[in-house]
Amino acid sequence: TRLLLHGLAQRSVLDTLREEGEDVELDDIRRDGFGDCKCVESGGPEPGVGCAGRGIITSINMLEQLGAYEEDENLDYVFYDVLGDVVCGGFAMPIR
């Protein structure tokens, strides 16, 4: 994500939810990157606490609720870059 955002860090969905609560807009969590890519960083739980899979599911559900996948968003593809070294397999199943 940093390469697509010209080296800038992006605040994650989970950090945004922790800081602002449920009152989040799509523009609060999505940034425009190189080549007109739309970038979202899901984030994860605090180290040693929780499940990374639940963080990813929370992020995907939030994006759905905010209309990120709607037809008028003009998305050609949606890619999920998921860590391979996470011990929790809660998100290893195909995403609906």
PDB file of N, CA and C in Angstrom:
ATOM      1  N   THR A   1       0.829  -1.194   0.000  1.00  0.00           N
ATOM      2  CA  THR A   1       0.000   0.000   0.000  1.00  0.00           C
ATOM      3  C   THR A   1       0.871   1.255   0.000  1.00  0.00           C
ATOM      4  N   ARG A   2       1.972   1.211   0.719  1.00  0.00           N
ATOM      5  CA  ARG A   2       2.839   2.401   0.773  1.00  0.00           C
ATOM      6  C   ARG A   2       3.368   2.775  -0.596  1.00  0.00           C
ATOM      7  N   LEU A   3       3.719   1.796  -1.405  1.00  0.00           N
ATOM      8  CA  LEU A   3       4.214   2.112  -2.747  1.00  0.00           C
ATOM      9  C   LEU A   3       3.128   2.782  -3.583  1.00  0.00           C
ATOM     10  N   LEU A   4       1.912   2.309  -3.470  1.00  0.00           N
ATOM     11  CA  LEU A   4       0.806   2.912  -4.216  1.00  0.00           C
ATOM     12  C   LEU A   4       0.486   4.317  -3.722  1.00  0.00           C
ATOM     13  N   LEU A   5       0.814   4.593  -2.469  1.00  0.00           N
ATOM     14  CA  LEU A   5       0.542   5.910  -1.877  1.00  0.00           C
ATOM     15  C   LEU A   5       1.791   6.783  -1.841  1.00  0.00           C
ATOM     16  N   HIS A   6       2.733   6.498  -2.722  1.00  0.00           N
ATOM     17  CA  HIS A   6       3.950   7.310  -2.864  1.00  0.00           C
ATOM     18  C   HIS A   6       4.745   7.379  -1.563  1.00  0.00           C
ATOM     19  N   GLY A   7       4.799   6.253  -0.834  1.00  0.00           N
ATOM     20  CA  GLY A   7       5.598   6.166   0.384  1.00  0.00           C
ATOM     21  C   GLY A   7       4.906   6.620   1.653  1.00  0.00           C
ATOM     22  N   LEU A   8       3.685   7.084   1.558  1.00  0.00           N
ATOM     23  CA  LEU A   8       2.977   7.569   2.746  1.00  0.00           C
ATOM     24  C   LEU A   8       2.289   6.420   3.475  1.00  0.00           C
ATOM     25  N   ALA A   9       2.280   6.485   4.787  1.00  0.00           N
ATOM     26  CA  ALA A   9       1.554   5.498   5.587  1.00  0.00           C
ATOM     27  C   ALA A   9       0.071   5.849   5.574  1.00  0.00           C
ATOM     28  N   GLN A  10      -0.756   4.842   5.725  1.00  0.00           N
ATOM     29  CA  GLN A  10      -2.199   5.052   5.735  1.00  0.00           C
ATOM     30  C   GLN A  10      -2.761   4.571   7.063  1.00  0.00           C
ATOM     31  N   ARG A  11      -3.666   5.337   7.628  1.00  0.00           N
ATOM     32  CA  ARG A  11      -4.325   4.909   8.862  1.00  0.00           C
ATOM     33  C   ARG A  11      -5.259   3.753   8.525  1.00  0.00           C
ATOM     34  N   SER A  12      -5.233   2.729   9.346  1.00  0.00           N
ATOM     35  CA  SER A  12      -6.015   1.529   9.047  1.00  0.00           C
ATOM     36  C   SER A  12      -7.486   1.699   9.424  1.00  0.00           C
ATOM     37  N   VAL A  13      -8.303   0.804   8.872  1.00  0.00           N
ATOM     38  CA  VAL A  13      -9.730   0.800   9.186  1.00  0.00           C
ATOM     39  C   VAL A  13      -9.926   0.579  10.683  1.00  0.00           C
ATOM     40  N   LEU A  14      -9.220  -0.403  11.241  1.00  0.00           N
ATOM     41  CA  LEU A  14      -9.405  -0.707  12.663  1.00  0.00           C
ATOM     42  C   LEU A  14      -8.942   0.427  13.561  1.00  0.00           C
ATOM     43  N   ASP A  15      -7.836   1.077  13.228  1.00  0.00           N
ATOM     44  CA  ASP A  15      -7.395   2.237  14.012  1.00  0.00           C
ATOM     45  C   ASP A  15      -8.414   3.367  13.924  1.00  0.00           C
ATOM     46  N   THR A  16      -8.970   3.578  12.740  1.00  0.00           N
ATOM     47  CA  THR A  16      -9.989   4.617  12.558  1.00  0.00           C
ATOM     48  C   THR A  16     -11.222   4.302  13.389  1.00  0.00           C
ATOM     49  N   LEU A  17     -11.661   3.044  13.390  1.00  0.00           N
ATOM     50  CA  LEU A  17     -12.820   2.650  14.189  1.00  0.00           C
ATOM     51  C   LEU A  17     -12.540   2.812  15.682  1.00  0.00           C
ATOM     52  N   ARG A  18     -11.333   2.475  16.115  1.00  0.00           N
ATOM     53  CA  ARG A  18     -10.975   2.631  17.530  1.00  0.00           C
ATOM     54  C   ARG A  18     -11.011   4.096  17.953  1.00  0.00           C
ATOM     55  N   GLU A  19     -10.529   4.979  17.070  1.00  0.00           N
ATOM     56  CA  GLU A  19     -10.411   6.395  17.419  1.00  0.00           C
ATOM     57  C   GLU A  19     -11.710   7.168  17.223  1.00  0.00           C
ATOM     58  N   GLU A  20     -12.474   6.835  16.183  1.00  0.00           N
ATOM     59  CA  GLU A  20     -13.655   7.632  15.844  1.00  0.00           C
ATOM     60  C   GLU A  20     -14.971   6.921  16.107  1.00  0.00           C
ATOM     61  N   GLY A  21     -14.938   5.663  16.461  1.00  0.00           N
ATOM     62  CA  GLY A  21     -16.167   4.913  16.660  1.00  0.00           C
ATOM     63  C   GLY A  21     -16.783   4.529  15.326  1.00  0.00           C
ATOM     64  N   GLU A  22     -18.068   4.249  15.349  1.00  0.00           N
ATOM     65  CA  GLU A  22     -18.767   3.771  14.152  1.00  0.00           C
ATOM     66  C   GLU A  22     -19.086   4.868  13.145  1.00  0.00           C
ATOM     67  N   ASP A  23     -18.914   6.124  13.518  1.00  0.00           N
ATOM     68  CA  ASP A  23     -19.263   7.237  12.631  1.00  0.00           C
ATOM     69  C   ASP A  23     -18.111   7.514  11.665  1.00  0.00           C
ATOM     70  N   VAL A  24     -17.935   6.612  10.683  1.00  0.00           N
ATOM     71  CA  VAL A  24     -16.824   6.682   9.744  1.00  0.00           C
ATOM     72  C   VAL A  24     -17.375   6.815   8.331  1.00  0.00           C
ATOM     73  N   GLU A  25     -16.761   7.674   7.550  1.00  0.00           N
ATOM     74  CA  GLU A  25     -17.112   7.829   6.139  1.00  0.00           C
ATOM     75  C   GLU A  25     -16.089   7.079   5.291  1.00  0.00           C
ATOM     76  N   LEU A  26     -16.465   6.731   4.066  1.00  0.00           N
ATOM     77  CA  LEU A  26     -15.569   6.000   3.176  1.00  0.00           C
ATOM     78  C   LEU A  26     -14.272   6.767   2.939  1.00  0.00           C
ATOM     79  N   ASP A  27     -14.351   8.075   2.810  1.00  0.00           N
ATOM     80  CA  ASP A  27     -13.150   8.883   2.576  1.00  0.00           C
ATOM     81  C   ASP A  27     -12.206   8.915   3.781  1.00  0.00           C
ATOM     82  N   ASP A  28     -12.708   8.526   4.962  1.00  0.00           N
ATOM     83  CA  ASP A  28     -11.850   8.453   6.149  1.00  0.00           C
ATOM     84  C   ASP A  28     -10.900   7.265   6.093  1.00  0.00           C
ATOM     85  N   ILE A  29     -11.273   6.218   5.350  1.00  0.00           N
ATOM     86  CA  ILE A  29     -10.473   4.990   5.344  1.00  0.00           C
ATOM     87  C   ILE A  29      -9.902   4.634   3.981  1.00  0.00           C
ATOM     88  N   ARG A  30     -10.308   5.315   2.941  1.00  0.00           N
ATOM     89  CA  ARG A  30      -9.835   5.004   1.592  1.00  0.00           C
ATOM     90  C   ARG A  30      -9.056   6.180   1.032  1.00  0.00           C
ATOM     91  N   ARG A  31      -7.928   5.877   0.392  1.00  0.00           N
ATOM     92  CA  ARG A  31      -7.085   6.904  -0.226  1.00  0.00           C
ATOM     93  C   ARG A  31      -6.879   6.579  -1.693  1.00  0.00           C
ATOM     94  N   ASP A  32      -6.738   7.618  -2.511  1.00  0.00           N
ATOM     95  CA  ASP A  32      -6.408   7.431  -3.921  1.00  0.00           C
ATOM     96  C   ASP A  32      -4.906   7.280  -4.051  1.00  0.00           C
ATOM     97  N   GLY A  33      -4.492   6.245  -4.778  1.00  0.00           N
ATOM     98  CA  GLY A  33      -3.072   5.984  -4.960  1.00  0.00           C
ATOM     99  C   GLY A  33      -2.665   6.054  -6.416  1.00  0.00           C
ATOM    100  N   PHE A  34      -1.458   5.600  -6.686  1.00  0.00           N
ATOM    101  CA  PHE A  34      -0.877   5.609  -8.021  1.00  0.00           C
ATOM    102  C   PHE A  34      -1.799   4.904  -9.018  1.00  0.00           C
ATOM    103  N   GLY A  35      -1.916   5.474 -10.207  1.00  0.00           N
ATOM    104  CA  GLY A  35      -2.705   4.860 -11.267  1.00  0.00           C
ATOM    105  C   GLY A  35      -4.185   4.780 -10.961  1.00  0.00           C
ATOM    106  N   ASP A  36      -4.698   5.693 -10.154  1.00  0.00           N
ATOM    107  CA  ASP A  36      -6.110   5.745  -9.781  1.00  0.00           C
ATOM    108  C   ASP A  36      -6.558   4.530  -8.966  1.00  0.00           C
ATOM    109  N   CYS A  37      -5.615   3.886  -8.262  1.00  0.00           N
ATOM    110  CA  CYS A  37      -5.960   2.791  -7.351  1.00  0.00           C
ATOM    111  C   CYS A  37      -6.613   3.366  -6.106  1.00  0.00           C
ATOM    112  N   LYS A  38      -7.574   2.660  -5.582  1.00  0.00           N
ATOM    113  CA  LYS A  38      -8.185   3.010  -4.305  1.00  0.00           C
ATOM    114  C   LYS A  38      -7.572   2.095  -3.254  1.00  0.00           C
ATOM    115  N   CYS A  39      -6.992   2.653  -2.203  1.00  0.00           N
ATOM    116  CA  CYS A  39      -6.256   1.874  -1.208  1.00  0.00           C
ATOM    117  C   CYS A  39      -6.933   1.924   0.155  1.00  0.00           C
ATOM    118  N   VAL A  40      -7.022   0.757   0.782  1.00  0.00           N
ATOM    119  CA  VAL A  40      -7.542   0.629   2.138  1.00  0.00           C
ATOM    120  C   VAL A  40      -6.612  -0.309   2.892  1.00  0.00           C
ATOM    121  N   GLU A  41      -6.269   0.052   4.102  1.00  0.00           N
ATOM    122  CA  GLU A  41      -5.433  -0.787   4.968  1.00  0.00           C
ATOM    123  C   GLU A  41      -6.315  -1.274   6.102  1.00  0.00           C
ATOM    124  N   SER A  42      -6.511  -2.582   6.225  1.00  0.00           N
ATOM    125  CA  SER A  42      -7.436  -3.074   7.241  1.00  0.00           C
ATOM    126  C   SER A  42      -6.866  -2.965   8.645  1.00  0.00           C
ATOM    127  N   GLY A  43      -5.579  -3.250   8.821  1.00  0.00           N
ATOM    128  CA  GLY A  43      -4.997  -3.229  10.152  1.00  0.00           C
ATOM    129  C   GLY A  43      -5.305  -4.520  10.887  1.00  0.00           C
ATOM    130  N   GLY A  44      -5.003  -4.550  12.156  1.00  0.00           N
ATOM    131  CA  GLY A  44      -5.221  -5.752  12.945  1.00  0.00           C
ATOM    132  C   GLY A  44      -5.407  -5.408  14.403  1.00  0.00           C
ATOM    133  N   PRO A  45      -5.566  -6.441  15.210  1.00  0.00           N
ATOM    134  CA  PRO A  45      -5.745  -6.205  16.647  1.00  0.00           C
ATOM    135  C   PRO A  45      -4.436  -5.760  17.281  1.00  0.00           C
ATOM    136  N   GLU A  46      -4.513  -5.317  18.512  1.00  0.00           N
ATOM    137  CA  GLU A  46      -3.301  -4.992  19.259  1.00  0.00           C
ATOM    138  C   GLU A  46      -2.445  -6.251  19.340  1.00  0.00           C
ATOM    139  N   PRO A  47      -1.122  -6.119  19.331  1.00  0.00           N
ATOM    140  CA  PRO A  47      -0.248  -7.298  19.372  1.00  0.00           C
ATOM    141  C   PRO A  47      -0.566  -8.213  20.557  1.00  0.00           C
ATOM    142  N   GLY A  48      -0.708  -9.500  20.260  1.00  0.00           N
ATOM    143  CA  GLY A  48      -0.986 -10.489  21.291  1.00  0.00           C
ATOM    144  C   GLY A  48      -2.437 -10.574  21.713  1.00  0.00           C
ATOM    145  N   VAL A  49      -3.295  -9.789  21.085  1.00  0.00           N
ATOM    146  CA  VAL A  49      -4.704  -9.757  21.466  1.00  0.00           C
ATOM    147  C   VAL A  49      -5.559  -9.883  20.216  1.00  0.00           C
ATOM    148  N   GLY A  50      -6.537 -10.749  20.249  1.00  0.00           N
ATOM    149  CA  GLY A  50      -7.492 -10.813  19.159  1.00  0.00           C
ATOM    150  C   GLY A  50      -7.037 -11.653  17.983  1.00  0.00           C
ATOM    151  N   CYS A  51      -7.786 -11.546  16.910  1.00  0.00           N
ATOM    152  CA  CYS A  51      -7.607 -12.381  15.730  1.00  0.00           C
ATOM    153  C   CYS A  51      -7.513 -11.494  14.496  1.00  0.00           C
ATOM    154  N   ALA A  52      -6.451 -11.666  13.714  1.00  0.00           N
ATOM    155  CA  ALA A  52      -6.289 -10.859  12.499  1.00  0.00           C
ATOM    156  C   ALA A  52      -7.419 -11.119  11.516  1.00  0.00           C
ATOM    157  N   GLY A  53      -7.920 -12.349  11.489  1.00  0.00           N
ATOM    158  CA  GLY A  53      -9.028 -12.682  10.591  1.00  0.00           C
ATOM    159  C   GLY A  53     -10.263 -11.851  10.882  1.00  0.00           C
ATOM    160  N   ARG A  54     -10.553 -11.643  12.152  1.00  0.00           N
ATOM    161  CA  ARG A  54     -11.711 -10.815  12.513  1.00  0.00           C
ATOM    162  C   ARG A  54     -11.504  -9.371  12.079  1.00  0.00           C
ATOM    163  N   GLY A  55     -10.262  -8.893  12.130  1.00  0.00           N
ATOM    164  CA  GLY A  55      -9.976  -7.540  11.663  1.00  0.00           C
ATOM    165  C   GLY A  55     -10.237  -7.388  10.179  1.00  0.00           C
ATOM    166  N   ILE A  56      -9.843  -8.388   9.419  1.00  0.00           N
ATOM    167  CA  ILE A  56     -10.074  -8.351   7.975  1.00  0.00           C
ATOM    168  C   ILE A  56     -11.561  -8.415   7.677  1.00  0.00           C
ATOM    169  N   ILE A  57     -12.280  -9.298   8.370  1.00  0.00           N
ATOM    170  CA  ILE A  57     -13.724  -9.405   8.172  1.00  0.00           C
ATOM    171  C   ILE A  57     -14.408  -8.092   8.546  1.00  0.00           C
ATOM    172  N   THR A  58     -13.990  -7.487   9.659  1.00  0.00           N
ATOM    173  CA  THR A  58     -14.551  -6.197  10.071  1.00  0.00           C
ATOM    174  C   THR A  58     -14.326  -5.148   8.991  1.00  0.00           C
ATOM    175  N   SER A  59     -13.140  -5.118   8.418  1.00  0.00           N
ATOM    176  CA  SER A  59     -12.823  -4.136   7.375  1.00  0.00           C
ATOM    177  C   SER A  59     -13.660  -4.353   6.125  1.00  0.00           C
ATOM    178  N   ILE A  60     -13.776  -5.603   5.688  1.00  0.00           N
ATOM    179  CA  ILE A  60     -14.569  -5.895   4.489  1.00  0.00           C
ATOM    180  C   ILE A  60     -16.029  -5.543   4.721  1.00  0.00           C
ATOM    181  N   ASN A  61     -16.560  -5.889   5.899  1.00  0.00           N
ATOM    182  CA  ASN A  61     -17.948  -5.536   6.208  1.00  0.00           C
ATOM    183  C   ASN A  61     -18.142  -4.023   6.235  1.00  0.00           C
ATOM    184  N   MET A  62     -17.183  -3.294   6.792  1.00  0.00           N
ATOM    185  CA  MET A  62     -17.264  -1.835   6.834  1.00  0.00           C
ATOM    186  C   MET A  62     -17.278  -1.266   5.417  1.00  0.00           C
ATOM    187  N   LEU A  63     -16.419  -1.775   4.552  1.00  0.00           N
ATOM    188  CA  LEU A  63     -16.386  -1.310   3.162  1.00  0.00           C
ATOM    189  C   LEU A  63     -17.715  -1.578   2.463  1.00  0.00           C
ATOM    190  N   GLU A  64     -18.311  -2.742   2.714  1.00  0.00           N
ATOM    191  CA  GLU A  64     -19.622  -3.046   2.132  1.00  0.00           C
ATOM    192  C   GLU A  64     -20.678  -2.069   2.632  1.00  0.00           C
ATOM    193  N   GLN A  65     -20.698  -1.817   3.944  1.00  0.00           N
ATOM    194  CA  GLN A  65     -21.683  -0.907   4.530  1.00  0.00           C
ATOM    195  C   GLN A  65     -21.542   0.509   3.988  1.00  0.00           C
ATOM    196  N   LEU A  66     -20.314   0.924   3.713  1.00  0.00           N
ATOM    197  CA  LEU A  66     -20.068   2.284   3.223  1.00  0.00           C
ATOM    198  C   LEU A  66     -20.208   2.397   1.706  1.00  0.00           C
ATOM    199  N   GLY A  67     -20.517   1.288   1.035  1.00  0.00           N
ATOM    200  CA  GLY A  67     -20.759   1.330  -0.405  1.00  0.00           C
ATOM    201  C   GLY A  67     -19.512   1.312  -1.266  1.00  0.00           C
ATOM    202  N   ALA A  68     -18.416   0.806  -0.735  1.00  0.00           N
ATOM    203  CA  ALA A  68     -17.149   0.821  -1.478  1.00  0.00           C
ATOM    204  C   ALA A  68     -17.175  -0.069  -2.712  1.00  0.00           C
ATOM    205  N   TYR A  69     -18.055  -1.062  -2.733  1.00  0.00           N
ATOM    206  CA  TYR A  69     -18.101  -1.997  -3.854  1.00  0.00           C
ATOM    207  C   TYR A  69     -19.259  -1.716  -4.812  1.00  0.00           C
ATOM    208  N   GLU A  70     -19.938  -0.608  -4.624  1.00  0.00           N
ATOM    209  CA  GLU A  70     -21.097  -0.291  -5.459  1.00  0.00           C
ATOM    210  C   GLU A  70     -20.689  -0.040  -6.911  1.00  0.00           C
ATOM    211  N   GLU A  71     -21.633  -0.205  -7.802  1.00  0.00           N
ATOM    212  CA  GLU A  71     -21.397  -0.039  -9.244  1.00  0.00           C
ATOM    213  C   GLU A  71     -20.857   1.349  -9.579  1.00  0.00           C
ATOM    214  N   ASP A  72     -21.355   2.376  -8.903  1.00  0.00           N
ATOM    215  CA  ASP A  72     -20.924   3.744  -9.222  1.00  0.00           C
ATOM    216  C   ASP A  72     -19.495   4.051  -8.762  1.00  0.00           C
ATOM    217  N   GLU A  73     -18.856   3.129  -8.050  1.00  0.00           N
ATOM    218  CA  GLU A  73     -17.454   3.303  -7.663  1.00  0.00           C
ATOM    219  C   GLU A  73     -16.511   2.993  -8.822  1.00  0.00           C
ATOM    220  N   ASN A  74     -17.046   2.386  -9.890  1.00  0.00           N
ATOM    221  CA  ASN A  74     -16.276   2.081 -11.107  1.00  0.00           C
ATOM    222  C   ASN A  74     -15.005   1.284 -10.826  1.00  0.00           C
ATOM    223  N   LEU A  75     -15.126   0.238 -10.032  1.00  0.00           N
ATOM    224  CA  LEU A  75     -13.986  -0.630  -9.742  1.00  0.00           C
ATOM    225  C   LEU A  75     -13.894  -1.717 -10.801  1.00  0.00           C
ATOM    226  N   ASP A  76     -12.698  -1.949 -11.292  1.00  0.00           N
ATOM    227  CA  ASP A  76     -12.484  -3.044 -12.231  1.00  0.00           C
ATOM    228  C   ASP A  76     -12.137  -4.331 -11.496  1.00  0.00           C
ATOM    229  N   TYR A  77     -11.298  -4.224 -10.479  1.00  0.00           N
ATOM    230  CA  TYR A  77     -10.848  -5.369  -9.700  1.00  0.00           C
ATOM    231  C   TYR A  77     -10.742  -4.970  -8.236  1.00  0.00           C
ATOM    232  N   VAL A  78     -10.865  -5.963  -7.364  1.00  0.00           N
ATOM    233  CA  VAL A  78     -10.617  -5.772  -5.939  1.00  0.00           C
ATOM    234  C   VAL A  78      -9.606  -6.827  -5.517  1.00  0.00           C
ATOM    235  N   PHE A  79      -8.472  -6.392  -4.978  1.00  0.00           N
ATOM    236  CA  PHE A  79      -7.424  -7.295  -4.515  1.00  0.00           C
ATOM    237  C   PHE A  79      -7.322  -7.224  -3.003  1.00  0.00           C
ATOM    238  N   TYR A  80      -7.117  -8.379  -2.384  1.00  0.00           N
ATOM    239  CA  TYR A  80      -6.880  -8.447  -0.950  1.00  0.00           C
ATOM    240  C   TYR A  80      -5.471  -8.991  -0.744  1.00  0.00           C
ATOM    241  N   ASP A  81      -4.612  -8.211  -0.142  1.00  0.00           N
ATOM    242  CA  ASP A  81      -3.253  -8.629   0.175  1.00  0.00           C
ATOM    243  C   ASP A  81      -3.252  -9.051   1.637  1.00  0.00           C
ATOM    244  N   VAL A  82      -3.245 -10.354   1.867  1.00  0.00           N
ATOM    245  CA  VAL A  82      -3.392 -10.898   3.211  1.00  0.00           C
ATOM    246  C   VAL A  82      -2.062 -11.479   3.672  1.00  0.00           C
ATOM    247  N   LEU A  83      -1.680 -11.182   4.902  1.00  0.00           N
ATOM    248  CA  LEU A  83      -0.453 -11.736   5.473  1.00  0.00           C
ATOM    249  C   LEU A  83      -0.500 -13.259   5.466  1.00  0.00           C
ATOM    250  N   GLY A  84       0.595 -13.873   5.095  1.00  0.00           N
ATOM    251  CA  GLY A  84       0.655 -15.323   5.075  1.00  0.00           C
ATOM    252  C   GLY A  84       1.178 -15.928   6.358  1.00  0.00           C
ATOM    253  N   ASP A  85       1.700 -15.112   7.259  1.00  0.00           N
ATOM    254  CA  ASP A  85       2.310 -15.649   8.473  1.00  0.00           C
ATOM    255  C   ASP A  85       1.424 -15.526   9.705  1.00  0.00           C
ATOM    256  N   VAL A  86       0.178 -15.188   9.517  1.00  0.00           N
ATOM    257  CA  VAL A  86      -0.737 -15.055  10.642  1.00  0.00           C
ATOM    258  C   VAL A  86      -1.231 -16.443  11.030  1.00  0.00           C
ATOM    259  N   VAL A  87      -1.185 -16.757  12.312  1.00  0.00           N
ATOM    260  CA  VAL A  87      -1.538 -18.104  12.746  1.00  0.00           C
ATOM    261  C   VAL A  87      -3.036 -18.368  12.723  1.00  0.00           C
ATOM    262  N   CYS A  88      -3.831 -17.338  12.782  1.00  0.00           N
ATOM    263  CA  CYS A  88      -5.279 -17.512  12.763  1.00  0.00           C
ATOM    264  C   CYS A  88      -5.733 -17.777  11.336  1.00  0.00           C
ATOM    265  N   GLY A  89      -6.511 -18.819  11.137  1.00  0.00           N
ATOM    266  CA  GLY A  89      -6.992 -19.151   9.797  1.00  0.00           C
ATOM    267  C   GLY A  89      -8.417 -18.715   9.563  1.00  0.00           C
ATOM    268  N   GLY A  90      -8.919 -17.793  10.354  1.00  0.00           N
ATOM    269  CA  GLY A  90     -10.313 -17.380  10.247  1.00  0.00           C
ATOM    270  C   GLY A  90     -10.675 -16.751   8.922  1.00  0.00           C
ATOM    271  N   PHE A  91      -9.696 -16.255   8.171  1.00  0.00           N
ATOM    272  CA  PHE A  91      -9.985 -15.645   6.879  1.00  0.00           C
ATOM    273  C   PHE A  91      -9.421 -16.467   5.734  1.00  0.00           C
ATOM    274  N   ALA A  92      -9.022 -17.703   5.999  1.00  0.00           N
ATOM    275  CA  ALA A  92      -8.454 -18.547   4.951  1.00  0.00           C
ATOM    276  C   ALA A  92      -9.525 -19.098   4.026  1.00  0.00           C
ATOM    277  N   MET A  93     -10.774 -19.031   4.438  1.00  0.00           N
ATOM    278  CA  MET A  93     -11.867 -19.497   3.589  1.00  0.00           C
ATOM    279  C   MET A  93     -12.116 -18.466   2.498  1.00  0.00           C
ATOM    280  N   PRO A  94     -12.683 -18.890   1.372  1.00  0.00           N
ATOM    281  CA  PRO A  94     -12.988 -17.916   0.302  1.00  0.00           C
ATOM    282  C   PRO A  94     -13.886 -16.791   0.806  1.00  0.00           C
ATOM    283  N   ILE A  95     -13.574 -15.585   0.373  1.00  0.00           N
ATOM    284  CA  ILE A  95     -14.369 -14.424   0.766  1.00  0.00           C
ATOM    285  C   ILE A  95     -15.604 -14.365  -0.108  1.00  0.00           C
ATOM    286  N   ARG A  96     -16.770 -14.186   0.508  1.00  0.00           N
ATOM    287  CA  ARG A  96     -18.022 -14.148  -0.246  1.00  0.00           C
ATOM    288  C   ARG A  96     -18.141 -12.884  -1.038  1.00  0.00           C
TER     289      ARG A  96
END
